[in-house]
Amino acid sequence: MKSVYTADLKSAAYGVSVRVRPEGPKNTMPKVAIIFAEYCANEYDDYHRVVTSITDWAEVSKEDLKLLQEAQHHEGFQVLVQPDNQVEFINNTIAKWVEVVKEKEKKREEQRAKAAATRAKKAAQEDKKQEEKEKKLLKELQAKYGKTTMGNT
C-alpha cells in the first residue's frame, strides 16, 4: 500500500496539504453521519443551509444505509456518506486552521511591507534624479545669466 499526496481546490486555496488514505481493502460497511439543517432564504432564488447538529460517524450496513436514505426526506435529516478514499485534512482542528490563517496574514503583511519599501526606494530615486536635473538646470542658467542670486539684481 502506498500513500498518495494530493491537494484539492478548496485545500489548495488555503495552502493546506491533504493526504489520501492508503489504498487497501474497501470497507464493506459505509460510515455515515446524520445532519439536521435549517434553510434560510434571503431572496427569491438565494438560500443557504445552516447545519444545526451532526451525529458522530458510524458504520452501518448497506441495508440500514438504504433505509436511512429513504427515510431522510420524511424525517427531516440528511445522511452523509463518508467516501472510501476519504481525504483527511492535516489541519483538522480549529486551532490549526487559526494558525494557518495567521501565518498567511503574516506573509501578506510582509509582502505589503516589502512592496511599500520598494515604492519608497523608487520614489527616493526619482526625487534624487529630479534634484540632479534641477541642479543641472540651475548651473546652466547661472552660466547663461551670471551668478546672481534670487532677489539681487
Protein backbone atom coordinates (compact mmCIF):
# COMPACT_ATOMS: atom_id res chain seq x y z
CA MET A 1 0.00 0.00 0.00
CA LYS A 2 1.29 3.43 -0.84
CA SER A 3 0.14 6.87 0.18
CA VAL A 4 -0.68 9.41 -2.45
CA TYR A 5 -0.28 13.08 -1.63
CA THR A 6 -2.54 15.49 -3.44
CA ALA A 7 -4.47 18.71 -2.92
CA ASP A 8 -7.97 19.59 -3.96
CA LEU A 9 -9.07 23.11 -4.90
CA LYS A 10 -10.51 24.01 -1.51
CA SER A 11 -7.43 22.97 0.42
CA ALA A 12 -5.09 24.50 -2.19
CA ALA A 13 -6.84 27.84 -1.69
CA TYR A 14 -5.82 27.74 1.97
CA GLY A 15 -2.39 26.28 1.24
CA VAL A 16 -3.20 23.13 3.17
CA SER A 17 -1.86 19.77 2.08
CA VAL A 18 -4.11 16.76 2.23
CA ARG A 19 -3.37 13.08 2.41
CA VAL A 20 -5.35 10.36 0.73
CA ARG A 21 -5.64 7.24 2.81
CA PRO A 22 -3.53 4.34 1.57
CA GLU A 23 -5.38 2.16 -0.86
CA GLY A 24 -6.40 -1.12 0.66
CA PRO A 25 -9.40 -3.35 1.03
CA LYS A 26 -12.64 -1.44 0.59
CA ASN A 27 -14.71 -1.02 3.74
CA THR A 28 -17.80 -3.16 3.31
CA MET A 29 -19.75 -1.13 5.84
CA PRO A 30 -20.03 2.55 4.93
CA LYS A 31 -19.52 5.24 7.54
CA VAL A 32 -22.41 7.68 7.80
CA ALA A 33 -23.38 10.75 9.77
CA ILE A 34 -26.76 12.40 10.03
CA ILE A 35 -27.18 16.16 9.95
CA PHE A 36 -30.11 18.38 10.79
CA ALA A 37 -30.23 21.68 8.97
CA GLU A 38 -32.33 24.79 8.62
CA TYR A 39 -32.76 26.52 5.30
CA CYS A 40 -32.71 30.32 5.24
CA ALA A 41 -33.96 32.24 2.23
CA ASN A 42 -32.50 35.67 1.51
CA GLU A 43 -34.17 36.35 -1.82
CA TYR A 44 -36.25 34.51 -4.39
CA ASP A 45 -33.59 32.04 -5.58
CA ASP A 46 -30.98 32.71 -2.91
CA TYR A 47 -30.98 30.45 0.11
CA HIS A 48 -28.42 28.71 2.25
CA ARG A 49 -28.38 25.81 4.67
CA VAL A 50 -27.26 26.12 8.27
CA VAL A 51 -26.33 22.81 9.88
CA THR A 52 -27.74 22.78 13.39
CA SER A 53 -26.38 19.41 14.50
CA ILE A 54 -24.42 16.40 13.28
CA THR A 55 -24.01 12.92 14.67
CA ASP A 56 -20.71 11.10 15.02
CA TRP A 57 -19.60 8.98 12.09
CA ALA A 58 -20.79 5.39 12.48
CA GLU A 59 -20.53 2.27 10.38
CA VAL A 60 -23.87 0.91 9.20
CA SER A 61 -24.84 -1.98 7.00
CA LYS A 62 -25.81 -1.30 3.41
CA GLU A 63 -29.41 -2.22 4.23
CA ASP A 64 -29.51 0.28 7.11
CA LEU A 65 -27.95 2.92 4.86
CA LYS A 66 -30.65 2.37 2.26
CA LEU A 67 -33.32 2.59 4.99
CA LEU A 68 -31.84 5.87 6.32
CA GLN A 69 -31.58 7.36 2.83
CA GLU A 70 -35.21 6.53 2.10
CA ALA A 71 -36.38 7.99 5.41
CA GLN A 72 -34.30 11.18 5.34
CA HIS A 73 -36.85 13.27 3.43
CA HIS A 74 -39.72 12.23 5.69
CA GLU A 75 -37.83 12.62 8.95
CA GLY A 76 -36.15 15.96 8.20
CA PHE A 77 -32.50 14.92 8.30
CA GLN A 78 -29.82 14.30 5.69
CA VAL A 79 -27.50 11.32 5.53
CA LEU A 80 -23.84 11.97 4.74
CA VAL A 81 -21.81 9.01 3.50
CA GLN A 82 -18.07 9.11 4.00
CA PRO A 83 -16.22 8.07 0.82
CA ASP A 84 -13.96 5.02 0.97
CA ASN A 85 -10.98 7.11 -0.13
CA GLN A 86 -11.78 9.89 2.35
CA VAL A 87 -9.43 12.83 2.14
CA GLU A 88 -8.11 13.79 5.55
CA PHE A 89 -7.10 17.36 6.18
CA ILE A 90 -3.87 17.56 8.11
CA ASN A 91 -5.17 20.72 9.72
CA ASN A 92 -8.33 19.26 11.19
CA THR A 93 -8.79 21.35 14.30
CA ILE A 94 -9.93 24.94 14.66
CA ALA A 95 -6.69 25.87 16.43
CA LYS A 96 -4.65 24.60 13.48
CA TRP A 97 -6.84 26.50 11.00
CA VAL A 98 -6.42 29.67 13.07
CA GLU A 99 -2.66 29.11 12.99
CA VAL A 100 -2.71 28.65 9.20
CA VAL A 101 -4.78 31.80 8.68
CA LYS A 102 -2.50 33.83 10.99
CA GLU A 103 0.57 32.61 9.13
CA LYS A 104 -0.99 33.57 5.80
CA GLU A 105 -1.87 37.02 7.16
CA LYS A 106 1.71 37.45 8.43
CA LYS A 107 3.06 36.61 4.96
CA ARG A 108 0.64 39.10 3.38
CA GLU A 109 1.80 41.80 5.81
CA GLU A 110 5.44 41.04 4.98
CA GLN A 111 4.65 41.30 1.27
CA ARG A 112 2.84 44.61 1.83
CA ALA A 113 5.81 45.96 3.82
CA LYS A 114 8.24 44.83 1.13
CA ALA A 115 6.11 46.47 -1.57
CA ALA A 116 5.92 49.69 0.46
CA ALA A 117 9.72 49.69 0.91
CA THR A 118 10.17 49.16 -2.83
CA ARG A 119 7.79 52.04 -3.59
CA ALA A 120 9.62 54.31 -1.12
CA LYS A 121 13.01 53.40 -2.62
CA LYS A 122 11.73 54.10 -6.13
CA ALA A 123 10.26 57.44 -5.02
CA ALA A 124 13.58 58.39 -3.38
CA GLN A 125 15.45 57.55 -6.59
CA GLU A 126 13.00 59.66 -8.62
CA ASP A 127 13.40 62.55 -6.16
CA LYS A 128 17.19 62.28 -6.44
CA LYS A 129 17.00 62.31 -10.25
CA GLN A 130 14.70 65.34 -10.15
CA GLU A 131 17.07 67.16 -7.77
CA GLU A 132 20.06 66.42 -10.02
CA LYS A 133 18.09 67.64 -13.03
CA GLU A 134 17.20 70.87 -11.20
CA LYS A 135 20.83 71.42 -10.10
CA LYS A 136 21.99 70.94 -13.68
CA LEU A 137 19.37 73.42 -14.91
CA LEU A 138 20.45 75.90 -12.18
CA LYS A 139 24.09 75.64 -13.27
CA GLU A 140 23.10 76.17 -16.92
CA LEU A 141 21.03 79.24 -16.01
CA GLN A 142 23.81 80.63 -13.81
CA ALA A 143 26.30 80.15 -16.62
CA LYS A 144 23.96 81.85 -19.06
CA TYR A 145 22.80 84.79 -16.90
CA GLY A 146 25.65 85.14 -14.46
CA LYS A 147 25.97 84.19 -10.84
CA THR A 148 23.27 86.34 -9.40
CA THR A 149 21.13 85.06 -6.60
CA MET A 150 17.42 85.47 -6.46
CA GLY A 151 16.33 88.83 -5.15
CA ASN A 152 19.59 90.55 -6.23
CA THR A 153 19.73 92.49 -9.47
